[in-house]
Amino acid sequence: MLSTSLASHQDENAKLPQLMPLDAFEGSLSNRVFLCLKDAILSLAFQPGEKIRKAELCDHLGVSRSPVAEAVTRLAADGLVDVIPQAGTFVARFSMEHIREGAFLREALELAAVEAVAGHITDDQITQLRRNLRLQTVMVEDEDFQGFYELDAQMHEMVLSFTGYPKVARMAENSWLQVNRARRLLLPQPGRVAETLNEHRKIIDALANRDADAARLATRDHLRRLIQKLEPLERDHPELFMAK
């Protein structure tokens, strides 16, 4: 009887997605657990609507219930999980309303950022962006979608950081959470990463030329094209979205 119960538990535990090790993250134990689960949700290792079983997570990560409970509370505050009394904790489903709102906020911040940065960008900062772009090219050639995704995020973070305002990057990241998660569904699409790479090149070229108008236009087109690509997902993957 005991062996049957143990086997059943192991089978359930084996269903957990591949999680990044806690030592890949920084901070306190509860913060590392939070970042680990956030990464799993944003990368779609945990699918929208999937139930998160805290006991199994504790066993898998080798931690007590407290840091997992704290992480879930923070994820709920970010809108990444839904805690339903008497039912459990579930990965939040997508909402096109939330995606559009996040994209609207991100566009406002990033357009202001590129306009400001174009006026004072240094040669060293341009070199950093060019280096990032070359690495993106390698990721496209190798069809390394995860690597491309990480470099994509780094490029945008660099531009925002060049404003000299630390809060801008944090606000942009928070507004982009739901978009960030949904866009993972797009990267494996044939030709999408190559299109994105070309859009990035136009932004960096405009910044290198210190052309604020061209930088704003290239950034606006880039962000809006992404939303246009996301719009059909609700129709194509209704199971991943909140019921209307």
C-alpha atoms as a PDB file:
ATOM      1  CA  MET A   1       0.000   0.000   0.000  1.00  0.00           C
ATOM      2  CA  LEU A   2       2.812   2.362   0.979  1.00  0.00           C
ATOM      3  CA  SER A   3       4.812   1.526  -2.158  1.00  0.00           C
ATOM      4  CA  THR A   4       1.748   2.177  -4.341  1.00  0.00           C
ATOM      5  CA  SER A   5       1.222   5.580  -2.721  1.00  0.00           C
ATOM      6  CA  LEU A   6       4.875   6.476  -3.154  1.00  0.00           C
ATOM      7  CA  ALA A   7       4.867   5.431  -6.807  1.00  0.00           C
ATOM      8  CA  SER A   8       1.756   7.546  -7.401  1.00  0.00           C
ATOM      9  CA  HIS A   9       3.441  10.558  -5.797  1.00  0.00           C
ATOM     10  CA  GLN A  10       6.563  10.077  -7.916  1.00  0.00           C
ATOM     11  CA  ASP A  11       4.474   9.857 -11.072  1.00  0.00           C
ATOM     12  CA  GLU A  12       2.792  13.168 -10.230  1.00  0.00           C
ATOM     13  CA  ASN A  13       6.134  14.764  -9.371  1.00  0.00           C
ATOM     14  CA  ALA A  14       7.547  13.641 -12.721  1.00  0.00           C
ATOM     15  CA  LYS A  15       4.882  15.707 -14.443  1.00  0.00           C
ATOM     16  CA  LEU A  16       6.371  18.929 -13.142  1.00  0.00           C
ATOM     17  CA  PRO A  17       7.996  21.003 -15.889  1.00  0.00           C
ATOM     18  CA  GLN A  18      11.733  21.405 -16.093  1.00  0.00           C
ATOM     19  CA  LEU A  19      12.555  24.232 -13.686  1.00  0.00           C
ATOM     20  CA  MET A  20      15.712  26.298 -13.511  1.00  0.00           C
ATOM     21  CA  PRO A  21      17.794  25.416 -10.435  1.00  0.00           C
ATOM     22  CA  LEU A  22      17.394  27.817  -7.531  1.00  0.00           C
ATOM     23  CA  ASP A  23      21.103  28.648  -7.535  1.00  0.00           C
ATOM     24  CA  ALA A  24      20.618  30.230 -10.971  1.00  0.00           C
ATOM     25  CA  PHE A  25      18.851  33.101  -9.216  1.00  0.00           C
ATOM     26  CA  GLU A  26      19.937  35.666  -6.651  1.00  0.00           C
ATOM     27  CA  GLY A  27      18.547  36.879  -3.336  1.00  0.00           C
ATOM     28  CA  SER A  28      16.862  35.202  -0.410  1.00  0.00           C
ATOM     29  CA  LEU A  29      15.445  31.699  -0.683  1.00  0.00           C
ATOM     30  CA  SER A  30      11.892  33.006  -1.090  1.00  0.00           C
ATOM     31  CA  ASN A  31      13.056  35.412  -3.812  1.00  0.00           C
ATOM     32  CA  ARG A  32      14.863  32.637  -5.669  1.00  0.00           C
ATOM     33  CA  VAL A  33      11.758  30.445  -5.512  1.00  0.00           C
ATOM     34  CA  PHE A  34       9.693  33.385  -6.807  1.00  0.00           C
ATOM     35  CA  LEU A  35      12.082  34.016  -9.709  1.00  0.00           C
ATOM     36  CA  CYS A  36      12.211  30.304 -10.532  1.00  0.00           C
ATOM     37  CA  LEU A  37       8.422  30.009 -10.729  1.00  0.00           C
ATOM     38  CA  LYS A  38       8.112  33.324 -12.573  1.00  0.00           C
ATOM     39  CA  ASP A  39      10.601  32.086 -15.172  1.00  0.00           C
ATOM     40  CA  ALA A  40       8.625  28.841 -15.573  1.00  0.00           C
ATOM     41  CA  ILE A  41       5.386  30.774 -16.091  1.00  0.00           C
ATOM     42  CA  LEU A  42       6.838  33.341 -18.513  1.00  0.00           C
ATOM     43  CA  SER A  43       8.577  30.625 -20.529  1.00  0.00           C
ATOM     44  CA  LEU A  44       5.299  28.639 -20.682  1.00  0.00           C
ATOM     45  CA  ALA A  45       6.881  25.680 -18.916  1.00  0.00           C
ATOM     46  CA  PHE A  46       3.799  26.115 -16.734  1.00  0.00           C
ATOM     47  CA  GLN A  47       0.899  26.460 -19.161  1.00  0.00           C
ATOM     48  CA  PRO A  48      -1.961  28.962 -18.704  1.00  0.00           C
ATOM     49  CA  GLY A  49      -4.684  27.290 -16.642  1.00  0.00           C
ATOM     50  CA  GLU A  50      -2.341  24.639 -15.219  1.00  0.00           C
ATOM     51  CA  LYS A  51      -2.696  23.847 -11.536  1.00  0.00           C
ATOM     52  CA  ILE A  52       0.318  24.548  -9.349  1.00  0.00           C
ATOM     53  CA  ARG A  53       0.683  21.922  -6.628  1.00  0.00           C
ATOM     54  CA  LYS A  54       2.626  23.480  -3.784  1.00  0.00           C
ATOM     55  CA  ALA A  55       3.520  20.218  -2.049  1.00  0.00           C
ATOM     56  CA  GLU A  56       5.076  18.818  -5.206  1.00  0.00           C
ATOM     57  CA  LEU A  57       6.984  22.051  -5.779  1.00  0.00           C
ATOM     58  CA  CYS A  58       8.387  21.868  -2.261  1.00  0.00           C
ATOM     59  CA  ASP A  59       9.626  18.332  -2.903  1.00  0.00           C
ATOM     60  CA  HIS A  60      10.987  19.212  -6.334  1.00  0.00           C
ATOM     61  CA  LEU A  61      12.840  22.338  -5.179  1.00  0.00           C
ATOM     62  CA  GLY A  62      13.835  20.939  -1.808  1.00  0.00           C
ATOM     63  CA  VAL A  63      12.291  23.787   0.192  1.00  0.00           C
ATOM     64  CA  SER A  64       9.655  24.167   2.896  1.00  0.00           C
ATOM     65  CA  ARG A  65       6.135  25.428   2.233  1.00  0.00           C
ATOM     66  CA  SER A  66       6.853  28.956   3.441  1.00  0.00           C
ATOM     67  CA  PRO A  67       9.015  30.223   0.509  1.00  0.00           C
ATOM     68  CA  VAL A  68       6.648  28.615  -1.997  1.00  0.00           C
ATOM     69  CA  ALA A  69       3.636  30.271  -0.341  1.00  0.00           C
ATOM     70  CA  GLU A  70       5.439  33.648  -0.374  1.00  0.00           C
ATOM     71  CA  ALA A  71       6.331  33.195  -4.044  1.00  0.00           C
ATOM     72  CA  VAL A  72       2.725  32.381  -4.953  1.00  0.00           C
ATOM     73  CA  THR A  73       1.521  35.527  -3.163  1.00  0.00           C
ATOM     74  CA  ARG A  74       3.924  37.657  -5.205  1.00  0.00           C
ATOM     75  CA  LEU A  75       2.984  35.895  -8.450  1.00  0.00           C
ATOM     76  CA  ALA A  76      -0.689  36.550  -7.712  1.00  0.00           C
ATOM     77  CA  ALA A  77       0.078  40.254  -7.152  1.00  0.00           C
ATOM     78  CA  ASP A  78       1.756  40.312 -10.590  1.00  0.00           C
ATOM     79  CA  GLY A  79      -1.293  38.687 -12.173  1.00  0.00           C
ATOM     80  CA  LEU A  80       0.605  35.535 -13.130  1.00  0.00           C
ATOM     81  CA  VAL A  81      -1.381  33.096 -10.974  1.00  0.00           C
ATOM     82  CA  ASP A  82      -4.949  32.887  -9.713  1.00  0.00           C
ATOM     83  CA  VAL A  83      -5.540  31.617  -6.187  1.00  0.00           C
ATOM     84  CA  ILE A  84      -9.045  30.150  -6.018  1.00  0.00           C
ATOM     85  CA  PRO A  85     -10.339  29.222  -2.535  1.00  0.00           C
ATOM     86  CA  GLN A  86     -11.207  25.546  -2.115  1.00  0.00           C
ATOM     87  CA  ALA A  87      -9.833  24.830  -5.601  1.00  0.00           C
ATOM     88  CA  GLY A  88      -6.134  25.686  -5.607  1.00  0.00           C
ATOM     89  CA  THR A  89      -3.581  27.843  -7.383  1.00  0.00           C
ATOM     90  CA  PHE A  90      -3.608  28.038 -11.174  1.00  0.00           C
ATOM     91  CA  VAL A  91      -1.410  29.727 -13.744  1.00  0.00           C
ATOM     92  CA  ALA A  92      -3.380  32.726 -14.988  1.00  0.00           C
ATOM     93  CA  ARG A  93      -4.855  32.394 -18.441  1.00  0.00           C
ATOM     94  CA  PHE A  94      -4.134  35.061 -21.030  1.00  0.00           C
ATOM     95  CA  SER A  95      -6.391  38.073 -21.422  1.00  0.00           C
ATOM     96  CA  MET A  96      -6.261  40.143 -24.614  1.00  0.00           C
ATOM     97  CA  GLU A  97      -7.488  43.129 -22.608  1.00  0.00           C
ATOM     98  CA  HIS A  98      -4.506  42.839 -20.265  1.00  0.00           C
ATOM     99  CA  ILE A  99      -2.139  42.248 -23.187  1.00  0.00           C
ATOM    100  CA  ARG A 100      -3.357  45.357 -25.011  1.00  0.00           C
ATOM    101  CA  GLU A 101      -3.142  47.462 -21.873  1.00  0.00           C
ATOM    102  CA  GLY A 102       0.394  46.266 -21.167  1.00  0.00           C
ATOM    103  CA  ALA A 103       1.444  46.970 -24.741  1.00  0.00           C
ATOM    104  CA  PHE A 104      -0.078  50.463 -24.553  1.00  0.00           C
ATOM    105  CA  LEU A 105       1.894  51.289 -21.402  1.00  0.00           C
ATOM    106  CA  ARG A 106       5.118  49.778 -22.747  1.00  0.00           C
ATOM    107  CA  GLU A 107       4.816  51.728 -25.993  1.00  0.00           C
ATOM    108  CA  ALA A 108       4.378  55.027 -24.145  1.00  0.00           C
ATOM    109  CA  LEU A 109       7.485  54.359 -22.039  1.00  0.00           C
ATOM    110  CA  GLU A 110       9.672  53.017 -24.807  1.00  0.00           C
ATOM    111  CA  LEU A 111       8.863  55.723 -27.341  1.00  0.00           C
ATOM    112  CA  ALA A 112       9.774  58.364 -24.787  1.00  0.00           C
ATOM    113  CA  ALA A 113      12.940  56.416 -23.975  1.00  0.00           C
ATOM    114  CA  VAL A 114      14.275  56.082 -27.530  1.00  0.00           C
ATOM    115  CA  GLU A 115      13.573  59.738 -28.224  1.00  0.00           C
ATOM    116  CA  ALA A 116      15.547  60.772 -25.144  1.00  0.00           C
ATOM    117  CA  VAL A 117      18.362  58.271 -25.754  1.00  0.00           C
ATOM    118  CA  ALA A 118      18.822  59.307 -29.404  1.00  0.00           C
ATOM    119  CA  GLY A 119      19.783  62.780 -28.215  1.00  0.00           C
ATOM    120  CA  HIS A 120      22.685  61.687 -26.024  1.00  0.00           C
ATOM    121  CA  ILE A 121      23.629  58.087 -26.864  1.00  0.00           C
ATOM    122  CA  THR A 122      27.361  57.427 -26.642  1.00  0.00           C
ATOM    123  CA  ASP A 123      29.594  55.531 -29.037  1.00  0.00           C
ATOM    124  CA  ASP A 124      30.133  52.884 -26.352  1.00  0.00           C
ATOM    125  CA  GLN A 125      26.376  52.398 -25.939  1.00  0.00           C
ATOM    126  CA  ILE A 126      25.978  52.019 -29.694  1.00  0.00           C
ATOM    127  CA  THR A 127      28.730  49.390 -29.634  1.00  0.00           C
ATOM    128  CA  GLN A 128      26.864  47.497 -26.906  1.00  0.00           C
ATOM    129  CA  LEU A 129      23.689  47.497 -28.986  1.00  0.00           C
ATOM    130  CA  ARG A 130      25.539  46.416 -32.143  1.00  0.00           C
ATOM    131  CA  ARG A 131      27.202  43.565 -30.255  1.00  0.00           C
ATOM    132  CA  ASN A 132      23.834  42.410 -28.957  1.00  0.00           C
ATOM    133  CA  LEU A 133      22.426  42.554 -32.489  1.00  0.00           C
ATOM    134  CA  ARG A 134      25.256  40.400 -33.847  1.00  0.00           C
ATOM    135  CA  LEU A 135      24.510  37.781 -31.193  1.00  0.00           C
ATOM    136  CA  GLN A 136      20.814  37.916 -32.095  1.00  0.00           C
ATOM    137  CA  THR A 137      21.817  37.145 -35.695  1.00  0.00           C
ATOM    138  CA  VAL A 138      23.663  34.028 -34.543  1.00  0.00           C
ATOM    139  CA  MET A 139      20.609  32.889 -32.564  1.00  0.00           C
ATOM    140  CA  VAL A 140      18.402  33.297 -35.644  1.00  0.00           C
ATOM    141  CA  GLU A 141      20.837  31.291 -37.775  1.00  0.00           C
ATOM    142  CA  ASP A 142      20.965  28.542 -35.133  1.00  0.00           C
ATOM    143  CA  GLU A 143      17.179  28.638 -34.571  1.00  0.00           C
ATOM    144  CA  ASP A 144      17.897  29.110 -30.871  1.00  0.00           C
ATOM    145  CA  PHE A 145      14.578  30.722 -29.880  1.00  0.00           C
ATOM    146  CA  GLN A 146      15.337  30.846 -26.160  1.00  0.00           C
ATOM    147  CA  GLY A 147      18.696  32.507 -26.785  1.00  0.00           C
ATOM    148  CA  PHE A 148      17.114  35.002 -29.146  1.00  0.00           C
ATOM    149  CA  TYR A 149      14.373  35.770 -26.636  1.00  0.00           C
ATOM    150  CA  GLU A 150      16.936  36.556 -23.929  1.00  0.00           C
ATOM    151  CA  LEU A 151      18.982  38.821 -26.210  1.00  0.00           C
ATOM    152  CA  ASP A 152      15.804  40.548 -27.392  1.00  0.00           C
ATOM    153  CA  ALA A 153      14.926  41.383 -23.781  1.00  0.00           C
ATOM    154  CA  GLN A 154      18.481  42.559 -23.086  1.00  0.00           C
ATOM    155  CA  MET A 155      18.405  44.924 -26.066  1.00  0.00           C
ATOM    156  CA  HIS A 156      15.216  46.620 -24.895  1.00  0.00           C
ATOM    157  CA  GLU A 157      16.524  46.770 -21.312  1.00  0.00           C
ATOM    158  CA  MET A 158      19.712  48.449 -22.532  1.00  0.00           C
ATOM    159  CA  VAL A 159      17.824  51.156 -24.396  1.00  0.00           C
ATOM    160  CA  LEU A 160      15.636  51.834 -21.368  1.00  0.00           C
ATOM    161  CA  SER A 161      18.652  51.897 -19.033  1.00  0.00           C
ATOM    162  CA  PHE A 162      20.416  54.417 -21.286  1.00  0.00           C
ATOM    163  CA  THR A 163      17.803  56.984 -20.211  1.00  0.00           C
ATOM    164  CA  GLY A 164      19.518  57.032 -16.817  1.00  0.00           C
ATOM    165  CA  TYR A 165      16.190  56.508 -15.032  1.00  0.00           C
ATOM    166  CA  PRO A 166      16.187  53.136 -13.183  1.00  0.00           C
ATOM    167  CA  LYS A 167      12.427  53.185 -12.561  1.00  0.00           C
ATOM    168  CA  VAL A 168      11.672  53.351 -16.292  1.00  0.00           C
ATOM    169  CA  ALA A 169      13.057  49.866 -16.937  1.00  0.00           C
ATOM    170  CA  ARG A 170      11.185  48.413 -13.956  1.00  0.00           C
ATOM    171  CA  MET A 171       7.901  50.023 -14.997  1.00  0.00           C
ATOM    172  CA  ALA A 172       8.355  48.803 -18.564  1.00  0.00           C
ATOM    173  CA  GLU A 173       9.072  45.250 -17.388  1.00  0.00           C
ATOM    174  CA  ASN A 174       5.993  45.177 -15.148  1.00  0.00           C
ATOM    175  CA  SER A 175       3.699  46.504 -17.885  1.00  0.00           C
ATOM    176  CA  TRP A 176       5.112  43.947 -20.347  1.00  0.00           C
ATOM    177  CA  LEU A 177       4.643  40.806 -18.226  1.00  0.00           C
ATOM    178  CA  GLN A 178       1.498  39.514 -19.928  1.00  0.00           C
ATOM    179  CA  VAL A 179       2.757  40.465 -23.402  1.00  0.00           C
ATOM    180  CA  ASN A 180       6.075  38.791 -22.637  1.00  0.00           C
ATOM    181  CA  ARG A 181       4.369  35.535 -21.770  1.00  0.00           C
ATOM    182  CA  ALA A 182       2.054  35.508 -24.780  1.00  0.00           C
ATOM    183  CA  ARG A 183       4.800  36.348 -27.265  1.00  0.00           C
ATOM    184  CA  ARG A 184       6.530  33.055 -26.458  1.00  0.00           C
ATOM    185  CA  LEU A 185       3.846  31.437 -28.598  1.00  0.00           C
ATOM    186  CA  LEU A 186       5.079  33.440 -31.597  1.00  0.00           C
ATOM    187  CA  LEU A 187       8.830  32.845 -31.575  1.00  0.00           C
ATOM    188  CA  PRO A 188       8.718  29.312 -33.036  1.00  0.00           C
ATOM    189  CA  GLN A 189       6.610  30.557 -35.970  1.00  0.00           C
ATOM    190  CA  PRO A 190       8.557  30.310 -39.263  1.00  0.00           C
ATOM    191  CA  GLY A 191      10.217  33.618 -40.115  1.00  0.00           C
ATOM    192  CA  ARG A 192       9.080  35.481 -36.984  1.00  0.00           C
ATOM    193  CA  VAL A 193      12.511  35.768 -35.351  1.00  0.00           C
ATOM    194  CA  ALA A 194      14.035  36.965 -38.632  1.00  0.00           C
ATOM    195  CA  GLU A 195      11.349  39.658 -38.884  1.00  0.00           C
ATOM    196  CA  THR A 196      11.992  40.699 -35.300  1.00  0.00           C
ATOM    197  CA  LEU A 197      15.738  40.855 -35.927  1.00  0.00           C
ATOM    198  CA  ASN A 198      15.173  43.209 -38.865  1.00  0.00           C
ATOM    199  CA  GLU A 199      12.921  45.404 -36.723  1.00  0.00           C
ATOM    200  CA  HIS A 200      15.619  45.568 -34.056  1.00  0.00           C
ATOM    201  CA  ARG A 201      18.207  46.515 -36.662  1.00  0.00           C
ATOM    202  CA  LYS A 202      16.105  49.499 -37.763  1.00  0.00           C
ATOM    203  CA  ILE A 203      15.806  50.728 -34.172  1.00  0.00           C
ATOM    204  CA  ILE A 204      19.540  50.453 -33.537  1.00  0.00           C
ATOM    205  CA  ASP A 205      20.433  52.067 -36.865  1.00  0.00           C
ATOM    206  CA  ALA A 206      18.201  55.022 -36.024  1.00  0.00           C
ATOM    207  CA  LEU A 207      19.793  55.385 -32.577  1.00  0.00           C
ATOM    208  CA  ALA A 208      23.282  55.123 -34.097  1.00  0.00           C
ATOM    209  CA  ASN A 209      22.347  57.970 -36.442  1.00  0.00           C
ATOM    210  CA  ARG A 210      21.035  59.984 -33.464  1.00  0.00           C
ATOM    211  CA  ASP A 211      17.742  60.268 -35.348  1.00  0.00           C
ATOM    212  CA  ALA A 212      15.018  60.553 -32.694  1.00  0.00           C
ATOM    213  CA  ASP A 213      12.113  60.602 -35.167  1.00  0.00           C
ATOM    214  CA  ALA A 214      13.322  57.466 -36.973  1.00  0.00           C
ATOM    215  CA  ALA A 215      13.960  55.724 -33.640  1.00  0.00           C
ATOM    216  CA  ARG A 216      10.419  56.491 -32.452  1.00  0.00           C
ATOM    217  CA  LEU A 217       8.909  55.299 -35.740  1.00  0.00           C
ATOM    218  CA  ALA A 218      10.946  52.076 -35.821  1.00  0.00           C
ATOM    219  CA  THR A 219      10.128  51.310 -32.178  1.00  0.00           C
ATOM    220  CA  ARG A 220       6.428  52.046 -32.622  1.00  0.00           C
ATOM    221  CA  ASP A 221       6.220  49.823 -35.708  1.00  0.00           C
ATOM    222  CA  HIS A 222       8.086  47.054 -33.903  1.00  0.00           C
ATOM    223  CA  LEU A 223       5.828  47.072 -30.841  1.00  0.00           C
ATOM    224  CA  ARG A 224       2.591  47.409 -32.797  1.00  0.00           C
ATOM    225  CA  ARG A 225       3.515  44.641 -35.213  1.00  0.00           C
ATOM    226  CA  LEU A 226       3.933  42.343 -32.241  1.00  0.00           C
ATOM    227  CA  ILE A 227       0.432  43.110 -30.991  1.00  0.00           C
ATOM    228  CA  GLN A 228      -0.969  42.503 -34.477  1.00  0.00           C
ATOM    229  CA  LYS A 229       0.687  39.074 -34.371  1.00  0.00           C
ATOM    230  CA  LEU A 230      -0.745  38.368 -30.910  1.00  0.00           C
ATOM    231  CA  GLU A 231      -4.352  39.254 -31.775  1.00  0.00           C
ATOM    232  CA  PRO A 232      -5.138  35.937 -33.580  1.00  0.00           C
ATOM    233  CA  LEU A 233      -3.866  33.846 -30.656  1.00  0.00           C
ATOM    234  CA  GLU A 234      -7.145  34.192 -28.781  1.00  0.00           C
ATOM    235  CA  ARG A 235      -8.934  32.625 -31.739  1.00  0.00           C
ATOM    236  CA  ASP A 236      -6.280  29.969 -32.393  1.00  0.00           C
ATOM    237  CA  HIS A 237      -5.693  28.970 -28.744  1.00  0.00           C
ATOM    238  CA  PRO A 238      -8.962  29.665 -26.877  1.00  0.00           C
ATOM    239  CA  GLU A 239      -8.006  27.155 -24.165  1.00  0.00           C
ATOM    240  CA  LEU A 240      -5.177  29.465 -23.077  1.00  0.00           C
ATOM    241  CA  PHE A 241      -7.379  32.549 -22.689  1.00  0.00           C
ATOM    242  CA  MET A 242      -9.882  33.661 -20.108  1.00  0.00           C
ATOM    243  CA  ALA A 243     -13.492  32.911 -21.029  1.00  0.00           C
ATOM    244  CA  LYS A 244     -15.396  35.994 -22.125  1.00  0.00           C
END
